[in-house]
Amino acid sequence: MQEAIRYFIVDESGDGQRLDNFLFKHLKGVPKTHIYRIIRSGEVRRNKGRVQADSRLALADELRIPPIRVPDKAVPVTEMAGNEHIVALPILFEDDDFLVINKPAGIAVHGGSGLSFGVIEQLRKSRPDATFLELVHRLDRETSGLLLVAKKKRALKALQDQFRTRQTGKVYLTLVKGIWQKPHQIIDAALQKYTLTSGERRVRVVPKDHADAMASLSIVKLLKVYGASSSPSVPVSLSRSLLAVTIKTGRTHQIRVHMAHAGHVIAGDDKYGDFDWNKQLHASGLKRMFLHAWRLQLHHPVSGEAVQFQCELPKDLLSWTNA
C-alpha cells in the first residue's frame, strides 16, 4: 500500500530530538533500515533542505516525508487492532481546514508503544479519500476531550504556530486529592524529561537554571471541594477538589506533574499519583485518570476569526462531580 506525502511541524515534544528518533516514533511499522535509506537519499526534507539522521530538530521545523510503500503482506490496521478496539470518534466541528474530535479516554492519538493504531490512523482509515490528515497537538492516552486534526498543510502550520507562541487558551478539568486551598493559583515550575531504567519516559520538576529545564506555566482555578470541607467527619485523606487548569505551555505530562508537585495528585494517575488512593477510587468506580481537555480558544487558521470549543465531561467522570 502506498501512502501520500506527509508533513510534520515539529512541536515542543520533538524540539531537540534527533531526526531518526523522531521518525521512528512517528512512522511506526516502517523498518528502521528503510527510514535511514530515505534520509540518506534526501527524500526526507527539513525546511525544504536535506537533513542528516543525527541532526537535532528545532521547534517549528517542517519535515516532508515521502510516500512510503508498505509491503502487501502487511496486516491492515483494523485487522491488527481487532474490531473490539474500534471506538467512535465524535466530531464536534469540521470545515475545509480542520476538525475537532472529542477523543475518548483509553485510545492513543497515534500508534506506537505497542499500539497498532490510534486516533489519527483510525481517522485516515475511515477517510480513504482524504489527502491530508495530521494531528495539530497531542493528548495522553487516558486523557479525554478536545483534539484538533488539520485537513490542510497550511492549517496545520497556522494552528501549530498558535500553540507554539501560546496564543491558544487550553483549559482542562481535573479531580485531585485533598483540599485545594486557593481560589486561583499560578504554578510556575520548570520540567525535565528523563528515562527510567526500564526505558519508560517520565517528567519531573527541576530548578529553572537546570540545563534541560523547560519553562512550564499552569493557572489553576478551584471549582469545587468534596469531602472534608463539607463534612468535618470525612477524613482529609478522602477529600478531593475539582479544578480548571489553564496551561500556558504544552509540556508532556505538565498538569500531572504540576499537580503532584503542588501536593495534590490527580485521581487515577498511574504514573505520578497515589497508588493506594487510586485503588480506593477504582473500587468505587473510577476506572481511569480524571483529566479532560475541556475548553480550547484559538483563531481560525484561515479566516483569523476567534473561535472557542467546549467539550463537557464524559459520563464516567461526570458522576464524580455530583457527590
C-alpha atoms as a PDB file:
ATOM      1  CA  MET A   1       0.000   0.000   0.000  1.00  0.00           C
ATOM      2  CA  GLN A   2       1.331   3.431  -0.982  1.00  0.00           C
ATOM      3  CA  GLU A   3       0.894   6.398   1.362  1.00  0.00           C
ATOM      4  CA  ALA A   4       0.749  10.029   0.290  1.00  0.00           C
ATOM      5  CA  ILE A   5       3.402  12.616   1.074  1.00  0.00           C
ATOM      6  CA  ARG A   6       3.199  13.574   4.746  1.00  0.00           C
ATOM      7  CA  TYR A   7       4.231  16.738   6.541  1.00  0.00           C
ATOM      8  CA  PHE A   8       5.110  17.253  10.186  1.00  0.00           C
ATOM      9  CA  ILE A   9       5.589  20.528  12.023  1.00  0.00           C
ATOM     10  CA  VAL A  10       7.893  19.877  14.995  1.00  0.00           C
ATOM     11  CA  ASP A  11       6.190  20.788  18.272  1.00  0.00           C
ATOM     12  CA  GLU A  12       7.613  21.060  21.780  1.00  0.00           C
ATOM     13  CA  SER A  13       7.703  17.290  22.229  1.00  0.00           C
ATOM     14  CA  GLY A  14      10.104  16.970  19.265  1.00  0.00           C
ATOM     15  CA  ASP A  15      12.224  20.043  19.937  1.00  0.00           C
ATOM     16  CA  GLY A  16      15.869  18.932  20.268  1.00  0.00           C
ATOM     17  CA  GLN A  17      15.187  15.328  19.216  1.00  0.00           C
ATOM     18  CA  ARG A  18      17.326  13.540  16.617  1.00  0.00           C
ATOM     19  CA  LEU A  19      15.670  13.201  13.232  1.00  0.00           C
ATOM     20  CA  ASP A  20      15.957   9.407  13.154  1.00  0.00           C
ATOM     21  CA  ASN A  21      14.415   9.011  16.613  1.00  0.00           C
ATOM     22  CA  PHE A  22      11.612  11.400  15.656  1.00  0.00           C
ATOM     23  CA  LEU A  23      10.806   9.334  12.574  1.00  0.00           C
ATOM     24  CA  PHE A  24      10.973   6.029  14.471  1.00  0.00           C
ATOM     25  CA  LYS A  25       8.297   7.428  16.763  1.00  0.00           C
ATOM     26  CA  HIS A  26       6.018   8.774  14.033  1.00  0.00           C
ATOM     27  CA  LEU A  27       6.466   6.079  11.384  1.00  0.00           C
ATOM     28  CA  LYS A  28       5.521   3.027  13.390  1.00  0.00           C
ATOM     29  CA  GLY A  29       5.761  -0.208  11.438  1.00  0.00           C
ATOM     30  CA  VAL A  30       8.278   1.138   8.927  1.00  0.00           C
ATOM     31  CA  PRO A  31      11.617  -0.737   9.148  1.00  0.00           C
ATOM     32  CA  LYS A  32      14.470   1.339  10.509  1.00  0.00           C
ATOM     33  CA  THR A  33      16.607   0.388   7.505  1.00  0.00           C
ATOM     34  CA  HIS A  34      14.010   1.956   5.216  1.00  0.00           C
ATOM     35  CA  ILE A  35      13.847   5.124   7.318  1.00  0.00           C
ATOM     36  CA  TYR A  36      17.632   5.511   7.134  1.00  0.00           C
ATOM     37  CA  ARG A  37      17.521   4.902   3.373  1.00  0.00           C
ATOM     38  CA  ILE A  38      15.009   7.692   2.669  1.00  0.00           C
ATOM     39  CA  ILE A  39      17.049  10.050   4.878  1.00  0.00           C
ATOM     40  CA  ARG A  40      20.326   9.216   3.073  1.00  0.00           C
ATOM     41  CA  SER A  41      18.680   9.600  -0.335  1.00  0.00           C
ATOM     42  CA  GLY A  42      17.468  13.092   0.527  1.00  0.00           C
ATOM     43  CA  GLU A  43      13.785  12.164   0.272  1.00  0.00           C
ATOM     44  CA  VAL A  44      13.226  13.421   3.829  1.00  0.00           C
ATOM     45  CA  ARG A  45      13.389  17.210   3.807  1.00  0.00           C
ATOM     46  CA  ARG A  46      13.644  19.672   6.669  1.00  0.00           C
ATOM     47  CA  ASN A  47      12.517  23.182   5.768  1.00  0.00           C
ATOM     48  CA  LYS A  48      12.871  22.123   2.084  1.00  0.00           C
ATOM     49  CA  GLY A  49      16.531  21.107   2.501  1.00  0.00           C
ATOM     50  CA  ARG A  50      18.398  17.838   3.002  1.00  0.00           C
ATOM     51  CA  VAL A  51      18.979  16.694   6.560  1.00  0.00           C
ATOM     52  CA  GLN A  52      21.137  14.092   8.309  1.00  0.00           C
ATOM     53  CA  ALA A  53      19.822  11.282  10.518  1.00  0.00           C
ATOM     54  CA  ASP A  54      21.612  12.636  13.603  1.00  0.00           C
ATOM     55  CA  SER A  55      20.505  16.258  13.064  1.00  0.00           C
ATOM     56  CA  ARG A  56      18.686  17.799  16.013  1.00  0.00           C
ATOM     57  CA  LEU A  57      15.231  19.152  15.228  1.00  0.00           C
ATOM     58  CA  ALA A  58      14.071  22.586  16.325  1.00  0.00           C
ATOM     59  CA  LEU A  59      10.661  23.907  17.233  1.00  0.00           C
ATOM     60  CA  ALA A  60       8.516  24.686  14.145  1.00  0.00           C
ATOM     61  CA  ASP A  61      10.794  22.786  11.738  1.00  0.00           C
ATOM     62  CA  GLU A  62       8.806  21.469   8.768  1.00  0.00           C
ATOM     63  CA  LEU A  63       9.517  17.881   7.749  1.00  0.00           C
ATOM     64  CA  ARG A  64       8.464  16.400   4.423  1.00  0.00           C
ATOM     65  CA  ILE A  65       8.171  12.617   4.428  1.00  0.00           C
ATOM     66  CA  PRO A  66       7.973  10.875   1.025  1.00  0.00           C
ATOM     67  CA  PRO A  67       5.322   8.283   0.190  1.00  0.00           C
ATOM     68  CA  ILE A  68       6.256   5.047   1.938  1.00  0.00           C
ATOM     69  CA  ARG A  69       5.381   1.714   0.438  1.00  0.00           C
ATOM     70  CA  VAL A  70       4.197  -0.835   2.956  1.00  0.00           C
ATOM     71  CA  PRO A  71       4.630  -4.490   1.921  1.00  0.00           C
ATOM     72  CA  ASP A  72       1.449  -6.098   0.595  1.00  0.00           C
ATOM     73  CA  LYS A  73       1.650  -8.786   3.256  1.00  0.00           C
ATOM     74  CA  ALA A  74       1.235  -6.186   5.988  1.00  0.00           C
ATOM     75  CA  VAL A  75      -1.945  -6.710   8.002  1.00  0.00           C
ATOM     76  CA  PRO A  76      -4.416  -3.801   7.770  1.00  0.00           C
ATOM     77  CA  VAL A  77      -4.682  -1.677  10.906  1.00  0.00           C
ATOM     78  CA  THR A  78      -8.258  -2.659  11.610  1.00  0.00           C
ATOM     79  CA  GLU A  79      -7.366  -6.350  11.462  1.00  0.00           C
ATOM     80  CA  MET A  80      -4.311  -5.849  13.649  1.00  0.00           C
ATOM     81  CA  ALA A  81      -6.324  -3.984  16.230  1.00  0.00           C
ATOM     82  CA  GLY A  82      -9.422  -6.154  16.169  1.00  0.00           C
ATOM     83  CA  ASN A  83     -12.941  -4.786  15.838  1.00  0.00           C
ATOM     84  CA  GLU A  84     -13.384  -4.770  19.586  1.00  0.00           C
ATOM     85  CA  HIS A  85     -10.872  -1.907  19.816  1.00  0.00           C
ATOM     86  CA  ILE A  86     -12.520   0.320  17.218  1.00  0.00           C
ATOM     87  CA  VAL A  87     -14.193   3.206  19.049  1.00  0.00           C
ATOM     88  CA  ALA A  88     -16.398   6.069  17.967  1.00  0.00           C
ATOM     89  CA  LEU A  89     -14.679   9.398  17.317  1.00  0.00           C
ATOM     90  CA  PRO A  90     -17.333  12.096  17.829  1.00  0.00           C
ATOM     91  CA  ILE A  91     -16.714  15.101  15.574  1.00  0.00           C
ATOM     92  CA  LEU A  92     -17.602  18.348  17.364  1.00  0.00           C
ATOM     93  CA  PHE A  93     -16.663  20.684  14.486  1.00  0.00           C
ATOM     94  CA  GLU A  94     -15.418  20.372  10.926  1.00  0.00           C
ATOM     95  CA  ASP A  95     -14.789  22.643   7.970  1.00  0.00           C
ATOM     96  CA  ASP A  96     -12.467  22.564   4.961  1.00  0.00           C
ATOM     97  CA  ASP A  97      -9.362  23.259   7.069  1.00  0.00           C
ATOM     98  CA  PHE A  98      -9.560  21.304  10.315  1.00  0.00           C
ATOM     99  CA  LEU A  99     -11.791  19.273  12.576  1.00  0.00           C
ATOM    100  CA  VAL A 100     -12.268  18.935  16.322  1.00  0.00           C
ATOM    101  CA  ILE A 101     -12.677  15.498  17.881  1.00  0.00           C
ATOM    102  CA  ASN A 102     -13.994  14.556  21.304  1.00  0.00           C
ATOM    103  CA  LYS A 103     -11.288  11.974  21.993  1.00  0.00           C
ATOM    104  CA  PRO A 104     -12.409   9.144  24.275  1.00  0.00           C
ATOM    105  CA  ALA A 105     -10.137   8.060  27.104  1.00  0.00           C
ATOM    106  CA  GLY A 106      -8.156   4.879  26.540  1.00  0.00           C
ATOM    107  CA  ILE A 107      -7.228   5.477  22.903  1.00  0.00           C
ATOM    108  CA  ALA A 108      -3.867   6.958  21.935  1.00  0.00           C
ATOM    109  CA  VAL A 109      -3.700   9.842  19.486  1.00  0.00           C
ATOM    110  CA  HIS A 110      -1.334   7.814  17.277  1.00  0.00           C
ATOM    111  CA  GLY A 111       0.055   4.292  17.108  1.00  0.00           C
ATOM    112  CA  GLY A 112       3.216   3.371  18.974  1.00  0.00           C
ATOM    113  CA  SER A 113       4.441   1.925  22.288  1.00  0.00           C
ATOM    114  CA  GLY A 114       2.895  -1.445  21.466  1.00  0.00           C
ATOM    115  CA  LEU A 115      -0.313   0.025  19.988  1.00  0.00           C
ATOM    116  CA  SER A 116      -1.283  -0.848  16.418  1.00  0.00           C
ATOM    117  CA  PHE A 117      -3.226   2.317  15.823  1.00  0.00           C
ATOM    118  CA  GLY A 118      -4.551   5.495  17.359  1.00  0.00           C
ATOM    119  CA  VAL A 119      -6.954   8.330  16.588  1.00  0.00           C
ATOM    120  CA  ILE A 120      -5.098   9.577  13.519  1.00  0.00           C
ATOM    121  CA  GLU A 121      -4.681   6.108  11.979  1.00  0.00           C
ATOM    122  CA  GLN A 122      -8.348   5.341  12.575  1.00  0.00           C
ATOM    123  CA  LEU A 123      -9.398   8.665  11.077  1.00  0.00           C
ATOM    124  CA  ARG A 124      -7.285   8.072   7.963  1.00  0.00           C
ATOM    125  CA  LYS A 125      -8.705   4.584   7.644  1.00  0.00           C
ATOM    126  CA  SER A 126     -12.266   5.906   7.799  1.00  0.00           C
ATOM    127  CA  ARG A 127     -11.488   8.621   5.197  1.00  0.00           C
ATOM    128  CA  PRO A 128      -9.515   6.891   2.436  1.00  0.00           C
ATOM    129  CA  ASP A 129     -10.056   9.808   0.027  1.00  0.00           C
ATOM    130  CA  ALA A 130      -8.550  12.390   2.393  1.00  0.00           C
ATOM    131  CA  THR A 131      -5.201  13.620   1.069  1.00  0.00           C
ATOM    132  CA  PHE A 132      -4.031  15.256   4.291  1.00  0.00           C
ATOM    133  CA  LEU A 133      -4.878  14.488   7.923  1.00  0.00           C
ATOM    134  CA  GLU A 134      -2.377  15.387  10.646  1.00  0.00           C
ATOM    135  CA  LEU A 135      -2.551  15.875  14.411  1.00  0.00           C
ATOM    136  CA  VAL A 136      -2.228  19.514  15.465  1.00  0.00           C
ATOM    137  CA  HIS A 137      -1.340  18.578  19.057  1.00  0.00           C
ATOM    138  CA  ARG A 138      -1.467  15.572  21.363  1.00  0.00           C
ATOM    139  CA  LEU A 139      -3.289  14.259  24.415  1.00  0.00           C
ATOM    140  CA  ASP A 140      -2.225  11.474  26.753  1.00  0.00           C
ATOM    141  CA  ARG A 141      -3.906   8.157  26.068  1.00  0.00           C
ATOM    142  CA  GLU A 142      -6.001   8.342  29.261  1.00  0.00           C
ATOM    143  CA  THR A 143      -6.955  11.992  28.753  1.00  0.00           C
ATOM    144  CA  SER A 144     -10.301  12.648  27.093  1.00  0.00           C
ATOM    145  CA  GLY A 145     -11.617  15.712  25.328  1.00  0.00           C
ATOM    146  CA  LEU A 146     -10.789  18.230  22.615  1.00  0.00           C
ATOM    147  CA  LEU A 147      -8.299  17.181  19.936  1.00  0.00           C
ATOM    148  CA  LEU A 148      -7.577  19.089  16.703  1.00  0.00           C
ATOM    149  CA  VAL A 149      -6.734  17.487  13.359  1.00  0.00           C
ATOM    150  CA  ALA A 150      -5.638  19.563  10.363  1.00  0.00           C
ATOM    151  CA  LYS A 151      -7.018  18.778   6.904  1.00  0.00           C
ATOM    152  CA  LYS A 152      -4.593  21.022   5.038  1.00  0.00           C
ATOM    153  CA  LYS A 153      -0.889  21.741   5.375  1.00  0.00           C
ATOM    154  CA  ARG A 154      -1.457  25.480   5.759  1.00  0.00           C
ATOM    155  CA  ALA A 155      -3.957  24.872   8.563  1.00  0.00           C
ATOM    156  CA  LEU A 156      -1.516  22.580  10.357  1.00  0.00           C
ATOM    157  CA  LYS A 157       1.226  25.185  10.304  1.00  0.00           C
ATOM    158  CA  ALA A 158      -1.074  28.047  11.311  1.00  0.00           C
ATOM    159  CA  LEU A 159      -2.600  26.141  14.209  1.00  0.00           C
ATOM    160  CA  GLN A 160       0.712  24.777  15.485  1.00  0.00           C
ATOM    161  CA  ASP A 161       2.171  28.276  15.301  1.00  0.00           C
ATOM    162  CA  GLN A 162      -0.603  29.378  17.650  1.00  0.00           C
ATOM    163  CA  PHE A 163       0.182  26.553  20.075  1.00  0.00           C
ATOM    164  CA  ARG A 164       3.909  27.277  19.881  1.00  0.00           C
ATOM    165  CA  THR A 165       3.522  31.014  20.506  1.00  0.00           C
ATOM    166  CA  ARG A 166       0.968  30.438  23.291  1.00  0.00           C
ATOM    167  CA  GLN A 167      -1.884  32.168  21.504  1.00  0.00           C
ATOM    168  CA  THR A 168      -4.343  29.407  22.369  1.00  0.00           C
ATOM    169  CA  GLY A 169      -6.315  29.023  25.581  1.00  0.00           C
ATOM    170  CA  LYS A 170      -6.312  25.388  26.735  1.00  0.00           C
ATOM    171  CA  VAL A 171      -8.346  24.537  29.830  1.00  0.00           C
ATOM    172  CA  TYR A 172      -8.551  21.089  31.416  1.00  0.00           C
ATOM    173  CA  LEU A 173     -10.805  19.745  34.155  1.00  0.00           C
ATOM    174  CA  THR A 174      -9.182  17.516  36.743  1.00  0.00           C
ATOM    175  CA  LEU A 175     -10.026  15.977  40.107  1.00  0.00           C
ATOM    176  CA  VAL A 176      -7.179  15.984  42.628  1.00  0.00           C
ATOM    177  CA  LYS A 177      -6.588  14.546  46.064  1.00  0.00           C
ATOM    178  CA  GLY A 178      -7.153  16.760  49.109  1.00  0.00           C
ATOM    179  CA  ILE A 179      -8.442  20.283  49.585  1.00  0.00           C
ATOM    180  CA  TRP A 180      -7.040  22.874  47.194  1.00  0.00           C
ATOM    181  CA  GLN A 181      -6.683  25.962  49.340  1.00  0.00           C
ATOM    182  CA  LYS A 182      -6.520  28.920  46.947  1.00  0.00           C
ATOM    183  CA  PRO A 183      -9.334  30.007  44.580  1.00  0.00           C
ATOM    184  CA  HIS A 184      -6.683  30.904  41.999  1.00  0.00           C
ATOM    185  CA  GLN A 185      -3.057  29.817  41.856  1.00  0.00           C
ATOM    186  CA  ILE A 186      -0.198  30.015  39.362  1.00  0.00           C
ATOM    187  CA  ILE A 187       2.249  27.121  39.181  1.00  0.00           C
ATOM    188  CA  ASP A 188       5.480  28.242  37.538  1.00  0.00           C
ATOM    189  CA  ALA A 189       7.711  25.157  37.760  1.00  0.00           C
ATOM    190  CA  ALA A 190      10.220  24.070  35.131  1.00  0.00           C
ATOM    191  CA  LEU A 191      10.046  20.480  33.876  1.00  0.00           C
ATOM    192  CA  GLN A 192      12.595  17.967  32.605  1.00  0.00           C
ATOM    193  CA  LYS A 193      12.081  14.748  30.684  1.00  0.00           C
ATOM    194  CA  TYR A 194      14.016  11.689  31.834  1.00  0.00           C
ATOM    195  CA  THR A 195      14.005   7.928  31.307  1.00  0.00           C
ATOM    196  CA  LEU A 196      13.654   5.173  33.904  1.00  0.00           C
ATOM    197  CA  THR A 197      15.946   2.148  33.816  1.00  0.00           C
ATOM    198  CA  SER A 198      13.006   0.257  32.302  1.00  0.00           C
ATOM    199  CA  GLY A 199      13.060   2.657  29.358  1.00  0.00           C
ATOM    200  CA  GLU A 200       9.810   4.376  30.341  1.00  0.00           C
ATOM    201  CA  ARG A 201       9.802   8.139  29.864  1.00  0.00           C
ATOM    202  CA  ARG A 202       8.852  10.397  32.761  1.00  0.00           C
ATOM    203  CA  VAL A 203       8.832  14.109  33.632  1.00  0.00           C
ATOM    204  CA  ARG A 204       9.866  15.878  36.839  1.00  0.00           C
ATOM    205  CA  VAL A 205      10.163  19.379  38.285  1.00  0.00           C
ATOM    206  CA  VAL A 206      13.695  20.825  38.196  1.00  0.00           C
ATOM    207  CA  PRO A 207      15.258  24.211  39.061  1.00  0.00           C
ATOM    208  CA  LYS A 208      14.764  26.802  36.338  1.00  0.00           C
ATOM    209  CA  ASP A 209      18.519  27.061  35.787  1.00  0.00           C
ATOM    210  CA  HIS A 210      18.845  23.322  35.117  1.00  0.00           C
ATOM    211  CA  ALA A 211      20.486  22.560  31.769  1.00  0.00           C
ATOM    212  CA  ASP A 212      17.436  20.654  30.492  1.00  0.00           C
ATOM    213  CA  ALA A 213      14.772  22.774  32.186  1.00  0.00           C
ATOM    214  CA  MET A 214      11.674  23.588  30.119  1.00  0.00           C
ATOM    215  CA  ALA A 215       9.665  26.601  31.281  1.00  0.00           C
ATOM    216  CA  SER A 216       6.174  25.416  32.286  1.00  0.00           C
ATOM    217  CA  LEU A 217       3.241  27.504  33.493  1.00  0.00           C
ATOM    218  CA  SER A 218      -0.176  26.346  34.710  1.00  0.00           C
ATOM    219  CA  ILE A 219      -3.001  28.522  36.056  1.00  0.00           C
ATOM    220  CA  VAL A 220      -5.327  26.746  38.493  1.00  0.00           C
ATOM    221  CA  LYS A 221      -8.895  27.736  39.355  1.00  0.00           C
ATOM    222  CA  LEU A 222     -10.723  25.924  42.168  1.00  0.00           C
ATOM    223  CA  LEU A 223     -14.242  24.902  41.113  1.00  0.00           C
ATOM    224  CA  LYS A 224     -15.457  22.699  43.957  1.00  0.00           C
ATOM    225  CA  VAL A 225     -14.287  20.775  47.023  1.00  0.00           C
ATOM    226  CA  TYR A 226     -15.735  17.424  48.070  1.00  0.00           C
ATOM    227  CA  GLY A 227     -15.380  15.663  51.416  1.00  0.00           C
ATOM    228  CA  ALA A 228     -13.782  17.263  54.435  1.00  0.00           C
ATOM    229  CA  SER A 229     -14.808  20.821  53.584  1.00  0.00           C
ATOM    230  CA  SER A 230     -18.496  19.919  53.622  1.00  0.00           C
ATOM    231  CA  SER A 231     -18.395  17.358  56.431  1.00  0.00           C
ATOM    232  CA  PRO A 232     -15.884  17.525  59.298  1.00  0.00           C
ATOM    233  CA  SER A 233     -16.364  13.799  59.857  1.00  0.00           C
ATOM    234  CA  VAL A 234     -14.835  12.963  56.488  1.00  0.00           C
ATOM    235  CA  PRO A 235     -11.069  12.281  56.766  1.00  0.00           C
ATOM    236  CA  VAL A 236      -8.895  14.746  54.871  1.00  0.00           C
ATOM    237  CA  SER A 237      -7.313  11.804  53.050  1.00  0.00           C
ATOM    238  CA  LEU A 238     -10.649  11.103  51.332  1.00  0.00           C
ATOM    239  CA  SER A 239     -11.374  14.676  50.290  1.00  0.00           C
ATOM    240  CA  ARG A 240     -10.887  15.856  46.712  1.00  0.00           C
ATOM    241  CA  SER A 241     -11.055  19.034  44.645  1.00  0.00           C
ATOM    242  CA  LEU A 242     -12.311  19.782  41.142  1.00  0.00           C
ATOM    243  CA  LEU A 243     -10.017  22.171  39.271  1.00  0.00           C
ATOM    244  CA  ALA A 244      -9.936  24.013  35.967  1.00  0.00           C
ATOM    245  CA  VAL A 245      -6.320  24.186  34.810  1.00  0.00           C
ATOM    246  CA  THR A 246      -5.224  26.513  32.014  1.00  0.00           C
ATOM    247  CA  ILE A 247      -1.863  25.597  30.551  1.00  0.00           C
ATOM    248  CA  LYS A 248       0.241  28.330  29.018  1.00  0.00           C
ATOM    249  CA  THR A 249       2.861  25.810  27.867  1.00  0.00           C
ATOM    250  CA  GLY A 250       2.160  22.400  26.370  1.00  0.00           C
ATOM    251  CA  ARG A 251       4.770  20.222  28.060  1.00  0.00           C
ATOM    252  CA  THR A 252       4.491  16.447  28.259  1.00  0.00           C
ATOM    253  CA  HIS A 253       2.532  15.444  31.405  1.00  0.00           C
ATOM    254  CA  GLN A 254       2.567  19.089  32.510  1.00  0.00           C
ATOM    255  CA  ILE A 255      -0.674  19.106  34.512  1.00  0.00           C
ATOM    256  CA  ARG A 256       0.008  15.703  36.053  1.00  0.00           C
ATOM    257  CA  VAL A 257       3.460  16.706  37.276  1.00  0.00           C
ATOM    258  CA  HIS A 258       2.446  20.207  38.376  1.00  0.00           C
ATOM    259  CA  MET A 259      -0.445  18.824  40.429  1.00  0.00           C
ATOM    260  CA  ALA A 260       1.794  16.233  42.095  1.00  0.00           C
ATOM    261  CA  HIS A 261       4.393  18.954  42.743  1.00  0.00           C
ATOM    262  CA  ALA A 262       1.689  21.039  44.440  1.00  0.00           C
ATOM    263  CA  GLY A 263       0.862  18.117  46.738  1.00  0.00           C
ATOM    264  CA  HIS A 264      -2.463  17.248  45.076  1.00  0.00           C
ATOM    265  CA  VAL A 265      -2.104  14.254  42.752  1.00  0.00           C
ATOM    266  CA  ILE A 266      -4.681  13.603  40.041  1.00  0.00           C
ATOM    267  CA  ALA A 267      -7.276  10.923  40.715  1.00  0.00           C
ATOM    268  CA  GLY A 268      -6.414   7.749  38.826  1.00  0.00           C
ATOM    269  CA  ASP A 269      -2.974   8.898  37.657  1.00  0.00           C
ATOM    270  CA  ASP A 270      -0.911   5.705  37.397  1.00  0.00           C
ATOM    271  CA  LYS A 271       2.433   7.459  36.844  1.00  0.00           C
ATOM    272  CA  TYR A 272       2.589  10.327  39.313  1.00  0.00           C
ATOM    273  CA  GLY A 273      -0.397   9.601  41.556  1.00  0.00           C
ATOM    274  CA  ASP A 274      -1.136   8.000  44.912  1.00  0.00           C
ATOM    275  CA  PHE A 275      -1.410   4.295  44.159  1.00  0.00           C
ATOM    276  CA  ASP A 276      -3.273   3.346  47.357  1.00  0.00           C
ATOM    277  CA  TRP A 277      -5.782   6.142  46.762  1.00  0.00           C
ATOM    278  CA  ASN A 278      -6.162   5.039  43.173  1.00  0.00           C
ATOM    279  CA  LYS A 279      -7.086   1.543  44.357  1.00  0.00           C
ATOM    280  CA  GLN A 280      -9.832   3.009  46.548  1.00  0.00           C
ATOM    281  CA  LEU A 281     -11.105   5.132  43.679  1.00  0.00           C
ATOM    282  CA  HIS A 282     -11.050   2.181  41.299  1.00  0.00           C
ATOM    283  CA  ALA A 283     -13.054   0.092  43.750  1.00  0.00           C
ATOM    284  CA  SER A 284     -15.572   2.961  43.916  1.00  0.00           C
ATOM    285  CA  GLY A 285     -15.959   3.115  40.141  1.00  0.00           C
ATOM    286  CA  LEU A 286     -13.266   5.466  38.786  1.00  0.00           C
ATOM    287  CA  LYS A 287     -11.583   3.344  36.133  1.00  0.00           C
ATOM    288  CA  ARG A 288      -9.162   5.879  34.639  1.00  0.00           C
ATOM    289  CA  MET A 289      -7.338   9.152  35.202  1.00  0.00           C
ATOM    290  CA  PHE A 290      -9.571  12.177  35.812  1.00  0.00           C
ATOM    291  CA  LEU A 291      -8.157  14.595  33.240  1.00  0.00           C
ATOM    292  CA  HIS A 292     -10.282  16.097  30.469  1.00  0.00           C
ATOM    293  CA  ALA A 293      -9.484  18.668  27.772  1.00  0.00           C
ATOM    294  CA  TRP A 294     -12.490  20.904  28.360  1.00  0.00           C
ATOM    295  CA  ARG A 295     -12.147  24.226  26.561  1.00  0.00           C
ATOM    296  CA  LEU A 296      -9.994  25.495  23.705  1.00  0.00           C
ATOM    297  CA  GLN A 297      -9.776  29.035  22.362  1.00  0.00           C
ATOM    298  CA  LEU A 298      -7.900  29.893  19.168  1.00  0.00           C
ATOM    299  CA  HIS A 299      -8.092  31.782  15.890  1.00  0.00           C
ATOM    300  CA  HIS A 300      -9.322  30.065  12.764  1.00  0.00           C
ATOM    301  CA  PRO A 301      -6.210  29.145  10.730  1.00  0.00           C
ATOM    302  CA  VAL A 302      -7.558  30.787   7.557  1.00  0.00           C
ATOM    303  CA  SER A 303     -10.127  33.456   8.463  1.00  0.00           C
ATOM    304  CA  GLY A 304      -8.406  34.524  11.676  1.00  0.00           C
ATOM    305  CA  GLU A 305     -11.765  34.587  13.447  1.00  0.00           C
ATOM    306  CA  ALA A 306     -11.682  33.906  17.195  1.00  0.00           C
ATOM    307  CA  VAL A 307     -13.340  30.567  17.949  1.00  0.00           C
ATOM    308  CA  GLN A 308     -13.933  28.567  21.112  1.00  0.00           C
ATOM    309  CA  PHE A 309     -14.766  24.902  21.586  1.00  0.00           C
ATOM    310  CA  GLN A 310     -16.050  23.202  24.721  1.00  0.00           C
ATOM    311  CA  CYS A 311     -16.444  19.516  25.447  1.00  0.00           C
ATOM    312  CA  GLU A 312     -18.322  18.550  28.598  1.00  0.00           C
ATOM    313  CA  LEU A 313     -17.189  15.794  30.928  1.00  0.00           C
ATOM    314  CA  PRO A 314     -18.000  12.249  29.806  1.00  0.00           C
ATOM    315  CA  LYS A 315     -20.377  10.203  31.940  1.00  0.00           C
ATOM    316  CA  ASP A 316     -17.629   8.194  33.636  1.00  0.00           C
ATOM    317  CA  LEU A 317     -16.180  11.405  35.108  1.00  0.00           C
ATOM    318  CA  LEU A 318     -19.357  13.470  35.458  1.00  0.00           C
ATOM    319  CA  SER A 319     -20.703  11.218  38.210  1.00  0.00           C
ATOM    320  CA  TRP A 320     -17.682  12.149  40.371  1.00  0.00           C
ATOM    321  CA  THR A 321     -18.613  15.849  40.256  1.00  0.00           C
ATOM    322  CA  ASN A 322     -22.100  15.325  41.646  1.00  0.00           C
ATOM    323  CA  ALA A 323     -21.084  13.979  45.052  1.00  0.00           C
END
